[in-house]
């Protein structure tokens, strides 16, 4: 008797960034225990890569002042990785001492944002990435790099594709494990996404590409769908859609993890996420932050579902 075997759905991995990129701009300072609970709940809902902390200077990003304590409070599990954002040598030393297995560094495409965000130049940011990526390889740490302002800059306006390509060529010299293209201020549209990932795909070879989108102008989900259609299989997202860059005016939240996961599942992709559990985490997060979160799935509910009428 023949058995019908269901075809395996293609997978898209969602990297959860709420605990770092999401809450860094929040006025409500969360306790270490709350951050640990947030990350643990995300893992329980099926998320397997978590950007957990940033080793930024605490006076610049107060929400991240307890990075070492957060990592110390997280039990390590097979198949789950916790990433740290590092900005410089000091941040890398702290991350290494805390036992981080994966780091992410940010370079940018424009001089004005490099100065506003990190008090640096594009050249120096890329040189810093090169030094730390090579150290990370030697130390057995996985280095990834984010190209911020990958579509536009709040200070210099349009960022040409050629500029993104030039920055990408330079960061590839240090052999990153992943290259993340970030629409840091939510100004990109799907045609931009299709074009830039096609060009980068030809450039990076075997290096994985990842998308990081903000929903500032309500194009975040459309851009995520365009990236997946272009072959990208890794996307950053933040529970509840919370987030924003402290150094970019009006840069609102990341695409919402629950919204993008629901969309991808409906499109036939496997995210490995338990959406029912995730909606519970988002409800809890809104209570911790003491405000409603931007995500929409929690308001509308899962579909399909059976309507229950009050009698």
Protein backbone atom coordinates (compact mmCIF):
# COMPACT_ATOMS: atom_id res chain seq x y z
CA UNK A 1 0.00 0.00 0.00
CA UNK A 2 1.54 3.31 -1.09
CA UNK A 3 2.01 6.06 1.44
CA UNK A 4 1.49 9.67 0.55
CA UNK A 5 4.38 11.75 1.81
CA UNK A 6 3.75 15.43 2.34
CA UNK A 7 6.30 17.58 0.55
CA UNK A 8 8.63 19.45 2.86
CA UNK A 9 7.88 23.16 2.90
CA UNK A 10 10.81 25.50 2.27
CA UNK A 11 12.07 27.07 5.49
CA UNK A 12 12.56 30.73 6.29
CA UNK A 13 14.45 31.47 9.48
CA UNK A 14 13.33 34.43 11.56
CA UNK A 15 16.01 35.99 13.73
CA UNK A 16 14.30 37.53 16.78
CA UNK A 17 15.71 40.98 17.56
CA UNK A 18 13.21 42.33 20.09
CA UNK A 19 15.48 41.86 23.10
CA UNK A 20 18.09 44.12 21.51
CA UNK A 21 16.93 46.20 18.54
CA UNK A 22 13.33 46.13 19.70
CA UNK A 23 13.56 47.44 23.24
CA UNK A 24 16.68 49.61 22.93
CA UNK A 25 14.57 52.66 22.09
CA UNK A 26 11.92 52.06 24.76
CA UNK A 27 11.54 54.60 27.57
CA UNK A 28 10.57 51.83 30.01
CA UNK A 29 13.79 50.24 31.26
CA UNK A 30 13.17 46.52 31.62
CA UNK A 31 14.78 44.51 34.39
CA UNK A 32 17.31 41.80 33.66
CA UNK A 33 14.78 39.17 34.77
CA UNK A 34 12.18 40.55 32.37
CA UNK A 35 14.62 40.47 29.46
CA UNK A 36 15.58 36.89 30.27
CA UNK A 37 11.91 35.93 30.48
CA UNK A 38 11.26 37.59 27.10
CA UNK A 39 14.04 35.64 25.43
CA UNK A 40 13.08 32.38 27.10
CA UNK A 41 9.47 32.82 25.96
CA UNK A 42 10.61 33.48 22.40
CA UNK A 43 12.66 30.29 22.43
CA UNK A 44 9.71 28.33 23.84
CA UNK A 45 7.59 29.60 20.91
CA UNK A 46 10.07 28.14 18.41
CA UNK A 47 12.54 30.94 17.68
CA UNK A 48 16.07 29.59 17.48
CA UNK A 49 18.27 32.60 16.78
CA UNK A 50 17.93 35.51 19.19
CA UNK A 51 19.78 38.82 19.10
CA UNK A 52 19.88 39.03 22.87
CA UNK A 53 22.05 41.99 23.83
CA UNK A 54 24.22 44.86 22.67
CA UNK A 55 27.60 45.65 24.16
CA UNK A 56 27.16 49.36 23.59
CA UNK A 57 28.28 51.96 26.11
CA UNK A 58 25.56 52.12 28.79
CA UNK A 59 25.36 55.91 28.65
CA UNK A 60 24.55 55.70 24.93
CA UNK A 61 22.03 52.86 25.19
CA UNK A 62 20.93 52.51 28.84
CA UNK A 63 18.56 49.63 28.04
CA UNK A 64 21.59 47.45 27.24
CA UNK A 65 23.61 48.21 30.39
CA UNK A 66 23.04 44.71 31.82
CA UNK A 67 24.18 42.72 28.78
CA UNK A 68 26.47 40.38 30.74
CA UNK A 69 23.76 39.66 33.32
CA UNK A 70 21.18 38.88 30.63
CA UNK A 71 23.48 36.38 28.92
CA UNK A 72 24.41 34.81 32.25
CA UNK A 73 20.71 34.26 32.96
CA UNK A 74 20.07 32.35 29.73
CA UNK A 75 20.52 28.58 29.83
CA UNK A 76 22.31 27.33 26.73
CA UNK A 77 20.50 24.81 24.54
CA UNK A 78 21.44 22.80 21.50
CA UNK A 79 20.09 24.43 18.36
CA UNK A 80 19.57 27.85 19.97
CA UNK A 81 22.05 30.69 19.46
CA UNK A 82 22.24 34.05 21.20
CA UNK A 83 23.82 36.90 19.27
CA UNK A 84 25.37 40.10 20.57
CA UNK A 85 25.76 43.39 18.75
CA UNK A 86 29.27 44.75 19.17
CA UNK A 87 30.47 48.16 18.04
CA UNK A 88 34.17 48.19 18.88
CA UNK A 89 37.10 46.34 20.46
CA UNK A 90 35.83 46.90 23.98
CA UNK A 91 32.41 45.54 23.07
CA UNK A 92 34.00 42.49 21.47
CA UNK A 93 36.10 41.79 24.56
CA UNK A 94 32.98 41.95 26.73
CA UNK A 95 31.08 39.65 24.35
CA UNK A 96 33.91 37.13 24.28
CA UNK A 97 34.17 37.11 28.08
CA UNK A 98 30.40 36.55 28.29
CA UNK A 99 30.68 33.42 26.14
CA UNK A 100 28.90 34.73 23.04
CA UNK A 101 29.14 32.38 20.06
CA UNK A 102 27.94 34.86 17.43
CA UNK A 103 28.48 38.59 17.03
CA UNK A 104 26.90 41.14 14.72
CA UNK A 105 28.62 44.36 13.72
CA UNK A 106 27.12 47.32 11.90
CA UNK A 107 28.69 49.32 9.13
CA UNK A 108 26.82 51.99 7.27
CA UNK A 109 26.66 53.48 3.79
CA UNK A 110 26.73 57.21 4.58
CA UNK A 111 29.22 59.43 6.33
CA UNK A 112 26.63 61.50 8.18
CA UNK A 113 24.95 58.50 9.77
CA UNK A 114 28.34 56.95 10.62
CA UNK A 115 29.13 60.12 12.55
CA UNK A 116 25.70 60.49 14.21
CA UNK A 117 25.39 56.82 15.17
CA UNK A 118 28.93 55.87 16.10
CA UNK A 119 31.07 59.00 15.92
CA UNK A 120 33.06 57.44 13.10
CA UNK A 121 33.55 57.35 9.34
CA UNK A 122 32.44 54.69 6.87
CA UNK A 123 36.09 53.79 6.24
CA UNK A 124 36.84 53.39 9.94
CA UNK A 125 33.69 51.34 10.57
CA UNK A 126 34.66 48.92 7.81
CA UNK A 127 38.24 48.74 9.11
CA UNK A 128 36.90 48.01 12.60
CA UNK A 129 34.66 45.28 11.22
CA UNK A 130 37.63 43.77 9.39
CA UNK A 131 39.76 43.63 12.55
CA UNK A 132 37.03 42.17 14.75
CA UNK A 133 35.78 39.68 12.17
CA UNK A 134 39.28 38.27 11.81
CA UNK A 135 39.61 38.05 15.60
CA UNK A 136 36.22 36.35 15.80
CA UNK A 137 37.25 33.71 13.26
CA UNK A 138 40.40 33.02 15.30
CA UNK A 139 38.37 32.82 18.52
CA UNK A 140 35.75 30.47 17.09
CA UNK A 141 33.03 33.15 17.16
CA UNK A 142 30.65 33.48 14.21
CA UNK A 143 30.82 37.02 12.75
CA UNK A 144 27.92 38.60 10.85
CA UNK A 145 27.78 42.13 9.49
CA UNK A 146 24.83 44.45 8.94
CA UNK A 147 24.94 47.11 6.24
CA UNK A 148 22.70 49.80 7.70
CA UNK A 149 21.08 52.58 5.65
CA UNK A 150 20.94 50.04 2.83
CA UNK A 151 18.13 51.86 1.05
CA UNK A 152 18.25 55.44 2.27
CA UNK A 153 19.64 57.73 4.96
CA UNK A 154 17.70 60.21 7.12
CA UNK A 155 20.47 62.79 6.64
CA UNK A 156 21.74 62.22 3.07
CA UNK A 157 18.62 60.88 1.36
CA UNK A 158 18.77 58.27 -1.39
CA UNK A 159 21.51 55.65 -1.17
CA UNK A 160 22.36 54.26 -4.63
CA UNK A 161 22.67 50.54 -5.18
CA UNK A 162 26.26 51.13 -6.30
CA UNK A 163 27.11 52.51 -2.85
CA UNK A 164 25.65 49.42 -1.16
CA UNK A 165 27.65 47.20 -3.51
CA UNK A 166 30.89 49.03 -2.74
CA UNK A 167 30.37 48.64 1.02
CA UNK A 168 29.42 44.97 0.56
CA UNK A 169 32.59 44.26 -1.43
CA UNK A 170 34.70 45.71 1.36
CA UNK A 171 33.01 43.83 4.22
CA UNK A 172 33.21 40.54 2.29
CA UNK A 173 37.00 40.68 2.50
CA UNK A 174 36.78 39.56 6.14
CA UNK A 175 34.65 36.49 5.27
CA UNK A 176 31.42 37.15 7.21
CA UNK A 177 29.13 34.26 8.01
CA UNK A 178 26.19 36.43 6.91
CA UNK A 179 25.61 39.80 5.32
CA UNK A 180 22.48 41.61 6.52
CA UNK A 181 21.02 44.36 4.34
CA UNK A 182 19.05 46.74 6.54
CA UNK A 183 16.34 49.21 5.63
CA UNK A 184 17.05 51.00 8.88
CA UNK A 185 14.56 53.84 8.36
CA UNK A 186 11.84 52.00 6.43
CA UNK A 187 12.18 53.91 3.15
CA UNK A 188 12.62 50.96 0.77
CA UNK A 189 9.91 49.46 -1.43
CA UNK A 190 9.66 45.95 -2.92
CA UNK A 191 11.24 46.91 -6.26
CA UNK A 192 14.28 48.23 -4.37
CA UNK A 193 14.48 45.01 -2.38
CA UNK A 194 14.29 42.83 -5.49
CA UNK A 195 17.01 44.82 -7.25
CA UNK A 196 19.46 45.04 -4.35
CA UNK A 197 19.23 41.44 -3.25
CA UNK A 198 19.65 40.29 -6.86
CA UNK A 199 22.85 42.31 -7.15
CA UNK A 200 24.13 41.18 -3.74
CA UNK A 201 23.26 37.57 -4.52
CA UNK A 202 25.60 37.69 -7.51
CA UNK A 203 28.30 39.28 -5.34
CA UNK A 204 28.36 37.27 -2.10
CA UNK A 205 28.77 33.74 -3.46
CA UNK A 206 28.19 31.20 -0.68
CA UNK A 207 27.77 33.83 2.06
CA UNK A 208 24.19 33.89 3.37
CA UNK A 209 22.09 37.02 2.89
CA UNK A 210 19.62 38.30 5.47
CA UNK A 211 17.02 41.06 5.39
CA UNK A 212 16.29 43.61 8.13
CA UNK A 213 13.23 45.77 7.53
CA UNK A 214 11.45 48.50 9.43
CA UNK A 215 7.79 49.33 8.95
CA UNK A 216 8.20 53.11 9.21
CA UNK A 217 6.24 53.79 6.02
CA UNK A 218 4.14 50.62 6.08
CA UNK A 219 6.23 48.74 3.51
CA UNK A 220 8.01 46.35 5.89
CA UNK A 221 5.96 43.21 5.24
CA UNK A 222 5.86 43.83 1.50
CA UNK A 223 9.63 44.20 1.55
CA UNK A 224 10.02 40.98 3.53
CA UNK A 225 7.88 39.12 0.98
CA UNK A 226 9.96 40.59 -1.84
CA UNK A 227 13.17 39.46 -0.15
CA UNK A 228 11.88 35.91 0.21
CA UNK A 229 10.77 35.93 -3.44
CA UNK A 230 14.34 37.00 -4.29
CA UNK A 231 15.71 33.92 -2.50
CA UNK A 232 16.48 35.35 0.95
CA UNK A 233 15.79 32.76 3.65
CA UNK A 234 16.73 34.73 6.78
CA UNK A 235 14.82 37.71 8.11
CA UNK A 236 15.12 39.84 11.23
CA UNK A 237 11.91 40.64 13.08
CA UNK A 238 10.84 41.93 16.48
CA UNK A 239 8.06 40.67 18.73
CA UNK A 240 5.15 43.08 18.65
CA UNK A 241 6.86 45.18 15.99
CA UNK A 242 8.63 47.25 18.64
CA UNK A 243 11.90 48.94 17.86
CA UNK A 244 13.62 51.89 16.30
CA UNK A 245 17.06 53.43 16.14
CA UNK A 246 17.86 56.06 18.80
CA UNK A 247 20.06 57.90 16.30
CA UNK A 248 17.74 57.99 13.27
CA UNK A 249 14.85 60.47 13.43
CA UNK A 250 11.38 58.89 13.19
CA UNK A 251 12.76 55.37 12.70
CA UNK A 252 9.90 53.30 14.02
CA UNK A 253 9.68 49.61 14.73
CA UNK A 254 10.98 46.52 13.02
CA UNK A 255 8.58 44.25 11.18
CA UNK A 256 6.58 42.26 13.73
CA UNK A 257 7.66 38.67 14.24
CA UNK A 258 4.11 37.37 14.55
CA UNK A 259 2.88 39.27 11.48
CA UNK A 260 5.71 38.14 9.21
CA UNK A 261 5.57 34.55 10.52
CA UNK A 262 1.83 34.35 9.84
CA UNK A 263 2.35 35.78 6.34
CA UNK A 264 5.13 33.33 5.53
CA UNK A 265 3.20 30.33 6.85
CA UNK A 266 0.23 31.33 4.66
CA UNK A 267 2.63 31.64 1.70
CA UNK A 268 3.70 28.03 2.20
CA UNK A 269 6.96 28.52 4.13
CA UNK A 270 7.94 26.83 7.37
CA UNK A 271 9.13 29.18 10.14
CA UNK A 272 9.11 26.63 12.96
CA UNK A 273 7.14 29.07 15.11
CA UNK A 274 4.12 28.33 17.30
CA UNK A 275 1.97 31.36 16.53
CA UNK A 276 -0.49 30.76 19.37
CA UNK A 277 2.39 30.78 21.85
CA UNK A 278 3.95 33.81 20.19
CA UNK A 279 0.77 35.87 20.54
CA UNK A 280 0.81 35.15 24.25
CA UNK A 281 4.37 36.46 24.47
CA UNK A 282 3.38 39.65 22.66
CA UNK A 283 0.47 40.27 25.03
CA UNK A 284 2.84 39.85 27.96
CA UNK A 285 5.43 42.16 26.35
CA UNK A 286 2.86 44.94 25.89
CA UNK A 287 2.09 44.77 29.60
CA UNK A 288 5.78 45.04 30.48
CA UNK A 289 6.23 48.05 28.21
CA UNK A 290 2.94 49.59 29.39
CA UNK A 291 1.74 50.45 25.91
CA UNK A 292 0.10 48.77 22.95
CA UNK A 293 2.50 47.25 20.43
CA UNK A 294 2.27 48.00 16.68
CA UNK A 295 1.80 44.40 15.49
CA UNK A 296 -1.58 43.57 13.98
CA UNK A 297 -1.94 39.80 14.25
CA UNK A 298 -2.69 39.98 17.96
CA UNK A 299 -5.55 42.38 17.30
CA UNK A 300 -7.15 40.43 14.44
CA UNK A 301 -6.30 36.91 15.62
CA UNK A 302 -5.20 33.88 13.67
CA UNK A 303 -6.99 32.89 10.47
CA UNK A 304 -8.70 30.61 9.77
CA UNK A 305 -10.54 30.39 13.02
CA UNK A 306 -14.08 29.56 14.08
CA UNK A 307 -16.04 32.58 15.23
CA UNK A 308 -17.63 32.15 18.67
CA UNK A 309 -20.88 34.02 19.08
CA UNK A 310 -22.09 35.18 22.47
CA UNK A 311 -25.54 33.84 23.20
